[in-house]
Amino acid sequence: LLFMLATSNPFDRLLPAAIDGRDLNPLLQDPGMVI
């Protein structure tokens, strides 16, 4: 938790907000990577 909050916070804001996202790595867009 210290590692995440100090260096890798997943809730950091992006201001101004992006119009759209950069997309998920295409390699990970596979049903196997869901589980």
PDB file of all heavy atoms in Angstrom:
ATOM      1  N   LEU A   1       0.831  -1.208   0.000  1.00  0.00           N
ATOM      2  CA  LEU A   1       0.000   0.000   0.000  1.00  0.00           C
ATOM      3  C   LEU A   1       0.865   1.256   0.000  1.00  0.00           C
ATOM      4  O   LEU A   1       0.553   2.243  -0.686  1.00  0.00           O
ATOM      5  CB  LEU A   1      -0.939  -0.020   1.208  1.00  0.00           C
ATOM      6  CG  LEU A   1      -2.127  -0.988   1.102  1.00  0.00           C
ATOM      7  CD1 LEU A   1      -2.800  -1.177   2.459  1.00  0.00           C
ATOM      8  CD2 LEU A   1      -3.147  -0.485   0.082  1.00  0.00           C
ATOM      9  N   LEU A   2       1.965   1.242   0.762  1.00  0.00           N
ATOM     10  CA  LEU A   2       2.888   2.379   0.730  1.00  0.00           C
ATOM     11  C   LEU A   2       3.481   2.565  -0.662  1.00  0.00           C
ATOM     12  O   LEU A   2       3.589   3.690  -1.169  1.00  0.00           O
ATOM     13  CB  LEU A   2       4.012   2.161   1.754  1.00  0.00           C
ATOM     14  CG  LEU A   2       3.737   2.569   3.196  1.00  0.00           C
ATOM     15  CD1 LEU A   2       4.901   2.163   4.089  1.00  0.00           C
ATOM     16  CD2 LEU A   2       3.482   4.071   3.301  1.00  0.00           C
ATOM     17  N   PHE A   3       3.873   1.473  -1.280  1.00  0.00           N
ATOM     18  CA  PHE A   3       4.425   1.533  -2.630  1.00  0.00           C
ATOM     19  C   PHE A   3       3.421   2.140  -3.608  1.00  0.00           C
ATOM     20  O   PHE A   3       3.754   3.017  -4.423  1.00  0.00           O
ATOM     21  CB  PHE A   3       4.824   0.125  -3.055  1.00  0.00           C
ATOM     22  CG  PHE A   3       5.302   0.024  -4.477  1.00  0.00           C
ATOM     23  CD1 PHE A   3       6.206   0.933  -4.995  1.00  0.00           C
ATOM     24  CD2 PHE A   3       4.853  -0.999  -5.296  1.00  0.00           C
ATOM     25  CE1 PHE A   3       6.657   0.837  -6.303  1.00  0.00           C
ATOM     26  CE2 PHE A   3       5.298  -1.103  -6.603  1.00  0.00           C
ATOM     27  CZ  PHE A   3       6.194  -0.176  -7.110  1.00  0.00           C
ATOM     28  N   MET A   4       2.178   1.689  -3.497  1.00  0.00           N
ATOM     29  CA  MET A   4       1.158   2.170  -4.416  1.00  0.00           C
ATOM     30  C   MET A   4       0.849   3.645  -4.185  1.00  0.00           C
ATOM     31  O   MET A   4       0.790   4.440  -5.135  1.00  0.00           O
ATOM     32  CB  MET A   4      -0.112   1.316  -4.258  1.00  0.00           C
ATOM     33  CG  MET A   4      -1.233   1.677  -5.221  1.00  0.00           C
ATOM     34  SD  MET A   4      -2.449   0.369  -5.379  1.00  0.00           S
ATOM     35  CE  MET A   4      -2.682  -0.128  -3.687  1.00  0.00           C
ATOM     36  N   LEU A   5       0.663   4.049  -2.943  1.00  0.00           N
ATOM     37  CA  LEU A   5       0.291   5.429  -2.650  1.00  0.00           C
ATOM     38  C   LEU A   5       1.450   6.394  -2.889  1.00  0.00           C
ATOM     39  O   LEU A   5       1.227   7.554  -3.268  1.00  0.00           O
ATOM     40  CB  LEU A   5      -0.192   5.531  -1.204  1.00  0.00           C
ATOM     41  CG  LEU A   5      -1.546   4.856  -0.930  1.00  0.00           C
ATOM     42  CD1 LEU A   5      -1.800   4.756   0.568  1.00  0.00           C
ATOM     43  CD2 LEU A   5      -2.677   5.621  -1.610  1.00  0.00           C
ATOM     44  N   ALA A   6       2.684   5.938  -2.710  1.00  0.00           N
ATOM     45  CA  ALA A   6       3.832   6.830  -2.858  1.00  0.00           C
ATOM     46  C   ALA A   6       4.300   6.969  -4.293  1.00  0.00           C
ATOM     47  O   ALA A   6       4.741   8.047  -4.711  1.00  0.00           O
ATOM     48  CB  ALA A   6       4.990   6.332  -1.985  1.00  0.00           C
ATOM     49  N   THR A   7       4.214   5.897  -5.080  1.00  0.00           N
ATOM     50  CA  THR A   7       4.798   5.937  -6.427  1.00  0.00           C
ATOM     51  C   THR A   7       3.853   5.519  -7.540  1.00  0.00           C
ATOM     52  O   THR A   7       4.155   5.757  -8.707  1.00  0.00           O
ATOM     53  CB  THR A   7       6.030   5.012  -6.498  1.00  0.00           C
ATOM     54  OG1 THR A   7       5.610   3.641  -6.430  1.00  0.00           O
ATOM     55  CG2 THR A   7       7.005   5.294  -5.366  1.00  0.00           C
ATOM     56  N   SER A   8       2.723   4.875  -7.213  1.00  0.00           N
ATOM     57  CA  SER A   8       1.919   4.238  -8.268  1.00  0.00           C
ATOM     58  C   SER A   8       0.427   4.381  -7.989  1.00  0.00           C
ATOM     59  O   SER A   8      -0.326   3.406  -8.061  1.00  0.00           O
ATOM     60  CB  SER A   8       2.281   2.748  -8.369  1.00  0.00           C
ATOM     61  OG  SER A   8       3.672   2.566  -8.422  1.00  0.00           O
ATOM     62  N   ASN A   9      -0.015   5.597  -7.705  1.00  0.00           N
ATOM     63  CA  ASN A   9      -1.412   5.825  -7.362  1.00  0.00           C
ATOM     64  C   ASN A   9      -2.290   5.669  -8.603  1.00  0.00           C
ATOM     65  O   ASN A   9      -2.160   6.439  -9.556  1.00  0.00           O
ATOM     66  CB  ASN A   9      -1.582   7.226  -6.776  1.00  0.00           C
ATOM     67  CG  ASN A   9      -2.994   7.472  -6.283  1.00  0.00           C
ATOM     68  OD1 ASN A   9      -3.842   6.592  -6.308  1.00  0.00           O
ATOM     69  ND2 ASN A   9      -3.251   8.687  -5.839  1.00  0.00           N
ATOM     70  N   PRO A  10      -3.210   4.701  -8.634  1.00  0.00           N
ATOM     71  CA  PRO A  10      -4.057   4.529  -9.823  1.00  0.00           C
ATOM     72  C   PRO A  10      -5.139   5.592  -9.959  1.00  0.00           C
ATOM     73  O   PRO A  10      -5.822   5.642 -10.995  1.00  0.00           O
ATOM     74  CB  PRO A  10      -4.673   3.139  -9.602  1.00  0.00           C
ATOM     75  CG  PRO A  10      -4.692   2.968  -8.124  1.00  0.00           C
ATOM     76  CD  PRO A  10      -3.476   3.683  -7.605  1.00  0.00           C
ATOM     77  N   PHE A  11      -5.296   6.446  -8.931  1.00  0.00           N
ATOM     78  CA  PHE A  11      -6.369   7.439  -8.957  1.00  0.00           C
ATOM     79  C   PHE A  11      -5.861   8.855  -9.247  1.00  0.00           C
ATOM     80  O   PHE A  11      -6.605   9.820  -9.085  1.00  0.00           O
ATOM     81  CB  PHE A  11      -7.127   7.424  -7.627  1.00  0.00           C
ATOM     82  CG  PHE A  11      -7.816   6.116  -7.347  1.00  0.00           C
ATOM     83  CD1 PHE A  11      -7.313   5.225  -6.402  1.00  0.00           C
ATOM     84  CD2 PHE A  11      -8.962   5.759  -8.031  1.00  0.00           C
ATOM     85  CE1 PHE A  11      -7.940   4.028  -6.139  1.00  0.00           C
ATOM     86  CE2 PHE A  11      -9.608   4.554  -7.776  1.00  0.00           C
ATOM     87  CZ  PHE A  11      -9.093   3.691  -6.832  1.00  0.00           C
ATOM     88  N   ASP A  12      -4.615   8.979  -9.677  1.00  0.00           N
ATOM     89  CA  ASP A  12      -4.103  10.302 -10.027  1.00  0.00           C
ATOM     90  C   ASP A  12      -4.954  10.927 -11.130  1.00  0.00           C
ATOM     91  O   ASP A  12      -5.335  10.257 -12.102  1.00  0.00           O
ATOM     92  CB  ASP A  12      -2.647  10.201 -10.502  1.00  0.00           C
ATOM     93  CG  ASP A  12      -1.669  10.104  -9.345  1.00  0.00           C
ATOM     94  OD1 ASP A  12      -2.063  10.425  -8.212  1.00  0.00           O
ATOM     95  OD2 ASP A  12      -0.515   9.686  -9.578  1.00  0.00           O
ATOM     96  N   ARG A  13      -5.224  12.234 -10.983  1.00  0.00           N
ATOM     97  CA  ARG A  13      -6.055  12.953 -11.956  1.00  0.00           C
ATOM     98  C   ARG A  13      -5.209  13.446 -13.132  1.00  0.00           C
ATOM     99  O   ARG A  13      -4.013  13.715 -13.008  1.00  0.00           O
ATOM    100  CB  ARG A  13      -6.738  14.135 -11.291  1.00  0.00           C
ATOM    101  CG  ARG A  13      -7.900  13.774 -10.383  1.00  0.00           C
ATOM    102  CD  ARG A  13      -9.108  13.321 -11.167  1.00  0.00           C
ATOM    103  NE  ARG A  13     -10.318  13.271 -10.339  1.00  0.00           N
ATOM    104  CZ  ARG A  13     -11.527  12.961 -10.809  1.00  0.00           C
ATOM    105  NH1 ARG A  13     -11.673  12.680 -12.094  1.00  0.00           N
ATOM    106  NH2 ARG A  13     -12.564  12.937 -10.005  1.00  0.00           N
ATOM    107  N   LEU A  14      -5.874  13.563 -14.278  1.00  0.00           N
ATOM    108  CA  LEU A  14      -5.290  14.158 -15.473  1.00  0.00           C
ATOM    109  C   LEU A  14      -6.108  15.403 -15.804  1.00  0.00           C
ATOM    110  O   LEU A  14      -7.274  15.296 -16.212  1.00  0.00           O
ATOM    111  CB  LEU A  14      -5.328  13.169 -16.641  1.00  0.00           C
ATOM    112  CG  LEU A  14      -4.837  13.688 -17.992  1.00  0.00           C
ATOM    113  CD1 LEU A  14      -3.356  14.052 -17.920  1.00  0.00           C
ATOM    114  CD2 LEU A  14      -5.085  12.652 -19.083  1.00  0.00           C
ATOM    115  N   LEU A  15      -5.512  16.576 -15.600  1.00  0.00           N
ATOM    116  CA  LEU A  15      -6.225  17.832 -15.827  1.00  0.00           C
ATOM    117  C   LEU A  15      -5.452  18.686 -16.829  1.00  0.00           C
ATOM    118  O   LEU A  15      -4.238  18.925 -16.646  1.00  0.00           O
ATOM    119  CB  LEU A  15      -6.400  18.589 -14.499  1.00  0.00           C
ATOM    120  CG  LEU A  15      -7.231  17.865 -13.442  1.00  0.00           C
ATOM    121  CD1 LEU A  15      -7.237  18.656 -12.133  1.00  0.00           C
ATOM    122  CD2 LEU A  15      -8.661  17.649 -13.926  1.00  0.00           C
ATOM    123  N   PRO A  16      -6.131  19.126 -17.885  1.00  0.00           N
ATOM    124  CA  PRO A  16      -7.530  18.827 -18.236  1.00  0.00           C
ATOM    125  C   PRO A  16      -7.694  17.372 -18.683  1.00  0.00           C
ATOM    126  O   PRO A  16      -6.725  16.751 -19.124  1.00  0.00           O
ATOM    127  CB  PRO A  16      -7.818  19.794 -19.382  1.00  0.00           C
ATOM    128  CG  PRO A  16      -6.474  20.022 -20.003  1.00  0.00           C
ATOM    129  CD  PRO A  16      -5.490  19.999 -18.882  1.00  0.00           C
ATOM    130  N   ALA A  17      -8.899  16.884 -18.595  1.00  0.00           N
ATOM    131  CA  ALA A  17      -9.163  15.496 -18.948  1.00  0.00           C
ATOM    132  C   ALA A  17      -8.939  15.260 -20.432  1.00  0.00           C
ATOM    133  O   ALA A  17      -9.157  16.139 -21.267  1.00  0.00           O
ATOM    134  CB  ALA A  17     -10.602  15.132 -18.567  1.00  0.00           C
ATOM    135  N   ALA A  18      -8.473  14.050 -20.753  1.00  0.00           N
ATOM    136  CA  ALA A  18      -8.275  13.675 -22.151  1.00  0.00           C
ATOM    137  C   ALA A  18      -9.624  13.497 -22.843  1.00  0.00           C
ATOM    138  O   ALA A  18     -10.614  13.090 -22.219  1.00  0.00           O
ATOM    139  CB  ALA A  18      -7.464  12.384 -22.232  1.00  0.00           C
ATOM    140  N   ILE A  19      -9.672  13.808 -24.120  1.00  0.00           N
ATOM    141  CA  ILE A  19     -10.898  13.608 -24.889  1.00  0.00           C
ATOM    142  C   ILE A  19     -11.196  12.118 -25.024  1.00  0.00           C
ATOM    143  O   ILE A  19     -12.341  11.685 -24.940  1.00  0.00           O
ATOM    144  CB  ILE A  19     -10.766  14.262 -26.279  1.00  0.00           C
ATOM    145  CG1 ILE A  19     -10.569  15.771 -26.124  1.00  0.00           C
ATOM    146  CG2 ILE A  19     -11.983  13.962 -27.139  1.00  0.00           C
ATOM    147  CD1 ILE A  19     -10.301  16.491 -27.415  1.00  0.00           C
ATOM    148  N   ASP A  20     -10.158  11.343 -25.217  1.00  0.00           N
ATOM    149  CA  ASP A  20     -10.300   9.891 -25.309  1.00  0.00           C
ATOM    150  C   ASP A  20      -9.009   9.261 -24.794  1.00  0.00           C
ATOM    151  O   ASP A  20      -7.992   9.940 -24.617  1.00  0.00           O
ATOM    152  CB  ASP A  20     -10.580   9.456 -26.747  1.00  0.00           C
ATOM    153  CG  ASP A  20     -11.422   8.175 -26.802  1.00  0.00           C
ATOM    154  OD1 ASP A  20     -11.400   7.422 -25.810  1.00  0.00           O
ATOM    155  OD2 ASP A  20     -12.083   7.935 -27.825  1.00  0.00           O
ATOM    156  N   GLY A  21      -9.041   7.947 -24.559  1.00  0.00           N
ATOM    157  CA  GLY A  21      -7.887   7.269 -24.009  1.00  0.00           C
ATOM    158  C   GLY A  21      -6.957   6.727 -25.073  1.00  0.00           C
ATOM    159  O   GLY A  21      -7.301   6.654 -26.263  1.00  0.00           O
ATOM    160  N   ARG A  22      -5.741   6.297 -24.636  1.00  0.00           N
ATOM    161  CA  ARG A  22      -4.729   5.773 -25.552  1.00  0.00           C
ATOM    162  C   ARG A  22      -4.940   4.296 -25.861  1.00  0.00           C
ATOM    163  O   ARG A  22      -4.161   3.708 -26.604  1.00  0.00           O
ATOM    164  CB  ARG A  22      -3.330   5.992 -24.964  1.00  0.00           C
ATOM    165  CG  ARG A  22      -2.935   7.458 -24.877  1.00  0.00           C
ATOM    166  CD  ARG A  22      -1.413   7.629 -24.838  1.00  0.00           C
ATOM    167  NE  ARG A  22      -0.827   7.075 -23.631  1.00  0.00           N
ATOM    168  CZ  ARG A  22      -0.542   7.788 -22.544  1.00  0.00           C
ATOM    169  NH1 ARG A  22      -0.806   9.086 -22.523  1.00  0.00           N
ATOM    170  NH2 ARG A  22       0.001   7.225 -21.494  1.00  0.00           N
ATOM    171  N   ASP A  23      -5.949   3.698 -25.293  1.00  0.00           N
ATOM    172  CA  ASP A  23      -6.348   2.318 -25.580  1.00  0.00           C
ATOM    173  C   ASP A  23      -5.491   1.327 -24.789  1.00  0.00           C
ATOM    174  O   ASP A  23      -4.350   1.597 -24.420  1.00  0.00           O
ATOM    175  CB  ASP A  23      -6.268   1.998 -27.072  1.00  0.00           C
ATOM    176  CG  ASP A  23      -7.191   0.841 -27.460  1.00  0.00           C
ATOM    177  OD1 ASP A  23      -7.949   0.365 -26.586  1.00  0.00           O
ATOM    178  OD2 ASP A  23      -7.186   0.438 -28.630  1.00  0.00           O
ATOM    179  N   LEU A  24      -6.073   0.166 -24.560  1.00  0.00           N
ATOM    180  CA  LEU A  24      -5.371  -0.939 -23.912  1.00  0.00           C
ATOM    181  C   LEU A  24      -4.393  -1.564 -24.900  1.00  0.00           C
ATOM    182  O   LEU A  24      -4.666  -1.638 -26.102  1.00  0.00           O
ATOM    183  CB  LEU A  24      -6.389  -1.986 -23.440  1.00  0.00           C
ATOM    184  CG  LEU A  24      -5.856  -3.251 -22.765  1.00  0.00           C
ATOM    185  CD1 LEU A  24      -5.180  -2.921 -21.449  1.00  0.00           C
ATOM    186  CD2 LEU A  24      -7.003  -4.245 -22.537  1.00  0.00           C
ATOM    187  N   ASN A  25      -3.249  -1.983 -24.398  1.00  0.00           N
ATOM    188  CA  ASN A  25      -2.270  -2.682 -25.233  1.00  0.00           C
ATOM    189  C   ASN A  25      -2.972  -3.781 -26.028  1.00  0.00           C
ATOM    190  O   ASN A  25      -3.617  -4.656 -25.459  1.00  0.00           O
ATOM    191  CB  ASN A  25      -1.192  -3.288 -24.333  1.00  0.00           C
ATOM    192  CG  ASN A  25      -0.069  -3.942 -25.108  1.00  0.00           C
ATOM    193  OD1 ASN A  25      -0.198  -4.262 -26.287  1.00  0.00           O
ATOM    194  ND2 ASN A  25       1.050  -4.155 -24.448  1.00  0.00           N
ATOM    195  N   PRO A  26      -2.885  -3.748 -27.370  1.00  0.00           N
ATOM    196  CA  PRO A  26      -3.590  -4.761 -28.172  1.00  0.00           C
ATOM    197  C   PRO A  26      -3.246  -6.193 -27.790  1.00  0.00           C
ATOM    198  O   PRO A  26      -4.071  -7.099 -27.946  1.00  0.00           O
ATOM    199  CB  PRO A  26      -3.153  -4.437 -29.606  1.00  0.00           C
ATOM    200  CG  PRO A  26      -2.823  -2.983 -29.584  1.00  0.00           C
ATOM    201  CD  PRO A  26      -2.237  -2.733 -28.214  1.00  0.00           C
ATOM    202  N   LEU A  27      -2.026  -6.432 -27.316  1.00  0.00           N
ATOM    203  CA  LEU A  27      -1.664  -7.782 -26.892  1.00  0.00           C
ATOM    204  C   LEU A  27      -2.567  -8.293 -25.773  1.00  0.00           C
ATOM    205  O   LEU A  27      -2.776  -9.497 -25.626  1.00  0.00           O
ATOM    206  CB  LEU A  27      -0.205  -7.807 -26.415  1.00  0.00           C
ATOM    207  CG  LEU A  27       0.889  -7.879 -27.476  1.00  0.00           C
ATOM    208  CD1 LEU A  27       2.240  -7.710 -26.814  1.00  0.00           C
ATOM    209  CD2 LEU A  27       0.823  -9.184 -28.240  1.00  0.00           C
ATOM    210  N   LEU A  28      -3.088  -7.376 -24.974  1.00  0.00           N
ATOM    211  CA  LEU A  28      -3.894  -7.754 -23.815  1.00  0.00           C
ATOM    212  C   LEU A  28      -5.380  -7.847 -24.142  1.00  0.00           C
ATOM    213  O   LEU A  28      -6.171  -8.208 -23.271  1.00  0.00           O
ATOM    214  CB  LEU A  28      -3.677  -6.743 -22.682  1.00  0.00           C
ATOM    215  CG  LEU A  28      -2.222  -6.514 -22.263  1.00  0.00           C
ATOM    216  CD1 LEU A  28      -2.150  -5.533 -21.103  1.00  0.00           C
ATOM    217  CD2 LEU A  28      -1.551  -7.823 -21.900  1.00  0.00           C
ATOM    218  N   GLN A  29      -5.750  -7.504 -25.372  1.00  0.00           N
ATOM    219  CA  GLN A  29      -7.153  -7.575 -25.769  1.00  0.00           C
ATOM    220  C   GLN A  29      -7.462  -8.980 -26.261  1.00  0.00           C
ATOM    221  O   GLN A  29      -7.687  -9.234 -27.444  1.00  0.00           O
ATOM    222  CB  GLN A  29      -7.456  -6.513 -26.821  1.00  0.00           C
ATOM    223  CG  GLN A  29      -7.287  -5.095 -26.303  1.00  0.00           C
ATOM    224  CD  GLN A  29      -7.667  -4.036 -27.303  1.00  0.00           C
ATOM    225  OE1 GLN A  29      -8.631  -4.198 -28.059  1.00  0.00           O
ATOM    226  NE2 GLN A  29      -6.930  -2.926 -27.325  1.00  0.00           N
ATOM    227  N   ASP A  30      -7.477  -9.887 -25.310  1.00  0.00           N
ATOM    228  CA  ASP A  30      -7.683 -11.304 -25.580  1.00  0.00           C
ATOM    229  C   ASP A  30      -8.427 -11.906 -24.388  1.00  0.00           C
ATOM    230  O   ASP A  30      -8.143 -11.548 -23.236  1.00  0.00           O
ATOM    231  CB  ASP A  30      -6.332 -12.005 -25.769  1.00  0.00           C
ATOM    232  CG  ASP A  30      -6.481 -13.486 -26.065  1.00  0.00           C
ATOM    233  OD1 ASP A  30      -6.726 -13.827 -27.237  1.00  0.00           O
ATOM    234  OD2 ASP A  30      -6.369 -14.305 -25.134  1.00  0.00           O
ATOM    235  N   PRO A  31      -9.387 -12.807 -24.636  1.00  0.00           N
ATOM    236  CA  PRO A  31     -10.140 -13.386 -23.501  1.00  0.00           C
ATOM    237  C   PRO A  31      -9.245 -14.037 -22.454  1.00  0.00           C
ATOM    238  O   PRO A  31      -9.554 -14.012 -21.255  1.00  0.00           O
ATOM    239  CB  PRO A  31     -11.052 -14.418 -24.185  1.00  0.00           C
ATOM    240  CG  PRO A  31     -11.216 -13.916 -25.578  1.00  0.00           C
ATOM    241  CD  PRO A  31      -9.908 -13.262 -25.931  1.00  0.00           C
ATOM    242  N   GLY A  32      -8.116 -14.626 -22.887  1.00  0.00           N
ATOM    243  CA  GLY A  32      -7.227 -15.252 -21.921  1.00  0.00           C
ATOM    244  C   GLY A  32      -6.664 -14.279 -20.912  1.00  0.00           C
ATOM    245  O   GLY A  32      -6.434 -14.629 -19.745  1.00  0.00           O
ATOM    246  N   MET A  33      -6.444 -13.022 -21.332  1.00  0.00           N
ATOM    247  CA  MET A  33      -5.866 -12.037 -20.430  1.00  0.00           C
ATOM    248  C   MET A  33      -6.891 -11.478 -19.445  1.00  0.00           C
ATOM    249  O   MET A  33      -6.524 -10.743 -18.533  1.00  0.00           O
ATOM    250  CB  MET A  33      -5.241 -10.899 -21.229  1.00  0.00           C
ATOM    251  CG  MET A  33      -3.990 -11.308 -21.988  1.00  0.00           C
ATOM    252  SD  MET A  33      -2.729 -12.054 -20.930  1.00  0.00           S
ATOM    253  CE  MET A  33      -2.235 -10.653 -19.946  1.00  0.00           C
ATOM    254  N   VAL A  34      -8.163 -11.799 -19.643  1.00  0.00           N
ATOM    255  CA  VAL A  34      -9.177 -11.375 -18.672  1.00  0.00           C
ATOM    256  C   VAL A  34      -9.010 -12.146 -17.370  1.00  0.00           C
ATOM    257  O   VAL A  34      -9.178 -11.602 -16.273  1.00  0.00           O
ATOM    258  CB  VAL A  34     -10.589 -11.561 -19.252  1.00  0.00           C
ATOM    259  CG1 VAL A  34     -11.654 -11.218 -18.223  1.00  0.00           C
ATOM    260  CG2 VAL A  34     -10.768 -10.701 -20.508  1.00  0.00           C
ATOM    261  N   ILE A  35      -8.654 -13.434 -17.466  1.00  0.00           N
ATOM    262  CA  ILE A  35      -8.563 -14.260 -16.257  1.00  0.00           C
ATOM    263  C   ILE A  35      -7.134 -14.663 -15.913  1.00  0.00           C
ATOM    264  O   ILE A  35      -6.877 -15.104 -14.788  1.00  0.00           O
ATOM    265  CB  ILE A  35      -9.434 -15.528 -16.380  1.00  0.00           C
ATOM    266  CG1 ILE A  35      -9.055 -16.323 -17.642  1.00  0.00           C
ATOM    267  CG2 ILE A  35     -10.900 -15.162 -16.421  1.00  0.00           C
ATOM    268  CD1 ILE A  35      -9.805 -17.641 -17.759  1.00  0.00           C
TER     269      ILE A  35
END
